C-alpha atoms as a PDB file:
ATOM      1  CA  MET A   1       0.073  -0.002   0.025  1.00  0.00           C
ATOM      2  CA  PRO A   2       1.454   3.406  -0.831  1.00  0.00           C
ATOM      3  CA  ALA A   3       2.099   5.956   1.858  1.00  0.00           C
ATOM      4  CA  LEU A   4       3.232   9.529   2.229  1.00  0.00           C
ATOM      5  CA  GLN A   5       6.118  10.405   4.720  1.00  0.00           C
ATOM      6  CA  VAL A   6       5.213  13.696   6.444  1.00  0.00           C
ATOM      7  CA  GLY A   7       7.771  14.574   9.029  1.00  0.00           C
ATOM      8  CA  THR A   8       7.914  11.531  11.357  1.00  0.00           C
ATOM      9  CA  ALA A   9       4.368  10.280  10.504  1.00  0.00           C
ATOM     10  CA  THR A  10       3.544   7.968   7.737  1.00  0.00           C
ATOM     11  CA  VAL A  11       0.099   8.655   6.108  1.00  0.00           C
ATOM     12  CA  PRO A  12      -1.494   5.643   4.159  1.00  0.00           C
ATOM     13  CA  LEU A  13      -2.763   6.390   0.733  1.00  0.00           C
ATOM     14  CA  ASN A  14      -4.891   4.195  -1.638  1.00  0.00           C
ATOM     15  CA  GLU A  15      -3.611   3.458  -5.216  1.00  0.00           C
ATOM     16  CA  ALA A  16      -4.965   6.770  -6.606  1.00  0.00           C
ATOM     17  CA  GLY A  17      -2.927   8.704  -4.010  1.00  0.00           C
ATOM     18  CA  PHE A  18      -5.853   9.768  -1.747  1.00  0.00           C
ATOM     19  CA  VAL A  19      -5.606   9.416   1.963  1.00  0.00           C
ATOM     20  CA  LEU A  20      -7.315   6.500   3.458  1.00  0.00           C
ATOM     21  CA  GLU A  21      -8.797   8.280   6.494  1.00  0.00           C
ATOM     22  CA  PHE A  22     -10.192  11.768   6.423  1.00  0.00           C
ATOM     23  CA  ASP A  23      -8.945  12.392   9.920  1.00  0.00           C
ATOM     24  CA  GLY A  24      -5.484  11.362   9.028  1.00  0.00           C
ATOM     25  CA  TRP A  25      -5.049  14.492   7.036  1.00  0.00           C
ATOM     26  CA  ASN A  26      -3.616  17.851   8.255  1.00  0.00           C
ATOM     27  CA  GLU A  27      -2.059  20.822   6.430  1.00  0.00           C
ATOM     28  CA  ASP A  28       1.381  19.293   6.237  1.00  0.00           C
ATOM     29  CA  VAL A  29      -0.141  16.349   4.313  1.00  0.00           C
ATOM     30  CA  ALA A  30      -1.506  18.829   1.763  1.00  0.00           C
ATOM     31  CA  LEU A  31       1.784  20.754   1.477  1.00  0.00           C
ATOM     32  CA  ALA A  32       3.673  17.261   0.739  1.00  0.00           C
ATOM     33  CA  MET A  33       1.159  16.188  -1.705  1.00  0.00           C
ATOM     34  CA  SER A  34       1.457  19.678  -3.384  1.00  0.00           C
ATOM     35  CA  ARG A  35       5.147  19.367  -3.544  1.00  0.00           C
ATOM     36  CA  GLU A  36       4.920  15.890  -5.153  1.00  0.00           C
ATOM     37  CA  ASP A  37       2.538  17.617  -7.695  1.00  0.00           C
ATOM     38  CA  GLY A  38       4.978  20.478  -8.245  1.00  0.00           C
ATOM     39  CA  LEU A  39       2.285  22.878  -7.110  1.00  0.00           C
ATOM     40  CA  GLU A  40       2.824  25.712  -4.567  1.00  0.00           C
ATOM     41  CA  LEU A  41      -0.185  26.311  -2.517  1.00  0.00           C
ATOM     42  CA  THR A  42      -1.447  29.772  -2.447  1.00  0.00           C
ATOM     43  CA  ASP A  43      -4.327  31.493  -0.340  1.00  0.00           C
ATOM     44  CA  CYS A  44      -6.584  30.550  -3.241  1.00  0.00           C
ATOM     45  CA  HIS A  45      -5.767  26.946  -2.978  1.00  0.00           C
ATOM     46  CA  TRP A  46      -6.234  26.872   0.780  1.00  0.00           C
ATOM     47  CA  ALA A  47      -9.682  28.494   0.276  1.00  0.00           C
ATOM     48  CA  ALA A  48     -10.739  25.812  -1.960  1.00  0.00           C
ATOM     49  CA  ILE A  49      -9.119  22.984   0.190  1.00  0.00           C
ATOM     50  CA  ARG A  50     -10.742  24.306   3.569  1.00  0.00           C
ATOM     51  CA  PHE A  51     -14.048  24.728   1.924  1.00  0.00           C
ATOM     52  CA  LEU A  52     -13.909  21.142   0.594  1.00  0.00           C
ATOM     53  CA  ARG A  53     -12.888  19.720   4.066  1.00  0.00           C
ATOM     54  CA  GLU A  54     -15.671  21.708   5.774  1.00  0.00           C
ATOM     55  CA  TYR A  55     -18.245  20.548   3.350  1.00  0.00           C
ATOM     56  CA  TYR A  56     -17.204  17.013   3.614  1.00  0.00           C
ATOM     57  CA  ALA A  57     -17.164  17.019   7.446  1.00  0.00           C
ATOM     58  CA  THR A  58     -20.695  18.424   7.376  1.00  0.00           C
ATOM     59  CA  HIS A  59     -22.266  16.294   4.544  1.00  0.00           C
ATOM     60  CA  LEU A  60     -19.972  13.161   4.145  1.00  0.00           C
ATOM     61  CA  VAL A  61     -19.831  14.008   0.444  1.00  0.00           C
ATOM     62  CA  ALA A  62     -17.525  16.002  -1.701  1.00  0.00           C
ATOM     63  CA  ALA A  63     -18.903  19.364  -3.053  1.00  0.00           C
ATOM     64  CA  SER A  64     -19.548  19.599  -6.688  1.00  0.00           C
ATOM     65  CA  PRO A  65     -17.353  21.979  -8.800  1.00  0.00           C
ATOM     66  CA  ARG A  66     -20.294  24.169  -9.116  1.00  0.00           C
ATOM     67  CA  LEU A  67     -20.854  24.532  -5.472  1.00  0.00           C
ATOM     68  CA  LEU A  68     -17.092  25.142  -4.927  1.00  0.00           C
ATOM     69  CA  ILE A  69     -17.245  27.967  -7.541  1.00  0.00           C
ATOM     70  CA  LYS A  70     -20.393  29.392  -6.036  1.00  0.00           C
ATOM     71  CA  GLU A  71     -19.119  29.359  -2.447  1.00  0.00           C
ATOM     72  CA  VAL A  72     -15.415  30.380  -2.807  1.00  0.00           C
ATOM     73  CA  GLY A  73     -15.122  31.482  -6.357  1.00  0.00           C
ATOM     74  CA  HIS A  74     -14.626  35.005  -5.437  1.00  0.00           C
ATOM     75  CA  GLN A  75     -11.520  34.101  -3.407  1.00  0.00           C
ATOM     76  CA  LEU A  76     -10.321  31.787  -6.421  1.00  0.00           C
ATOM     77  CA  SER A  77     -10.440  34.273  -9.028  1.00  0.00           C
ATOM     78  CA  GLN A  78     -10.390  38.138  -9.204  1.00  0.00           C
ATOM     79  CA  HIS A  79     -13.240  38.071 -11.919  1.00  0.00           C
ATOM     80  CA  LYS A  80     -16.304  35.685 -12.296  1.00  0.00           C
ATOM     81  CA  CYS A  81     -14.887  32.243 -11.506  1.00  0.00           C
ATOM     82  CA  THR A  82     -15.416  29.373 -13.764  1.00  0.00           C
ATOM     83  CA  TYR A  83     -14.466  25.813 -13.852  1.00  0.00           C
ATOM     84  CA  ASN A  84     -11.511  26.620 -16.024  1.00  0.00           C
ATOM     85  CA  ASP A  85     -10.267  28.840 -13.169  1.00  0.00           C
ATOM     86  CA  VAL A  86     -10.355  25.744 -10.908  1.00  0.00           C
ATOM     87  CA  LYS A  87      -8.540  23.705 -13.335  1.00  0.00           C
ATOM     88  CA  LEU A  88      -5.786  26.299 -13.570  1.00  0.00           C
ATOM     89  CA  LEU A  89      -5.465  26.394  -9.896  1.00  0.00           C
ATOM     90  CA  PHE A  90      -5.419  22.624  -9.730  1.00  0.00           C
ATOM     91  CA  PRO A  91      -3.646  21.603 -13.131  1.00  0.00           C
ATOM     92  CA  LYS A  92      -3.338  17.931 -12.461  1.00  0.00           C
ATOM     93  CA  GLY A  93      -7.189  17.185 -12.294  1.00  0.00           C
ATOM     94  CA  GLY A  94      -8.970  20.288 -11.274  1.00  0.00           C
ATOM     95  CA  ILE A  95     -11.649  19.301  -8.540  1.00  0.00           C
ATOM     96  CA  LYS A  96     -10.101  15.802  -8.434  1.00  0.00           C
ATOM     97  CA  GLN A  97      -6.755  17.174  -7.362  1.00  0.00           C
ATOM     98  CA  ALA A  98      -8.311  19.618  -4.950  1.00  0.00           C
ATOM     99  CA  CYS A  99     -10.339  16.767  -3.369  1.00  0.00           C
ATOM    100  CA  ARG A 100      -7.094  14.795  -3.067  1.00  0.00           C
ATOM    101  CA  LEU A 101      -5.128  17.689  -1.581  1.00  0.00           C
ATOM    102  CA  ALA A 102      -8.000  18.302   0.874  1.00  0.00           C
ATOM    103  CA  GLY A 103      -7.732  14.716   2.183  1.00  0.00           C
ATOM    104  CA  LEU A 104     -11.105  13.621   0.873  1.00  0.00           C
ATOM    105  CA  PRO A 105     -11.460   9.777   0.255  1.00  0.00           C
ATOM    106  CA  VAL A 106     -11.629   9.163  -3.438  1.00  0.00           C
ATOM    107  CA  TYR A 107     -14.781   6.986  -3.183  1.00  0.00           C
ATOM    108  CA  TYR A 108     -16.604  10.107  -1.617  1.00  0.00           C
ATOM    109  CA  CYS A 109     -15.321  12.423  -4.374  1.00  0.00           C
ATOM    110  CA  HIS A 110     -18.398  12.337  -6.629  1.00  0.00           C
ATOM    111  CA  ALA A 111     -17.152  15.258  -8.500  1.00  0.00           C
ATOM    112  CA  CYS A 112     -13.907  13.377  -9.499  1.00  0.00           C
END
């Protein structure tokens, strides 16, 4: 089984690179994953990641790209936010990459 080494902790991942346990995630995990993806996380990335985590914690399902854009689009883009803006922020899969960095289990990420 794949795993991600974050400091002294080992975070188990599934074959797709998603964390196995929602509660096993922290911001250091997101930073380590983003480094592997060659992505530097900005405030816009964190706005999306935090929204996805909060939404999942409340509803036990990932937010749709449309809901993400509606709720935090103003933070993700200086103009009217679109799905293409999300794909630019997360170039290795758009919402799927955002879900992965947010620590959402892949089987709950219906938007992926």
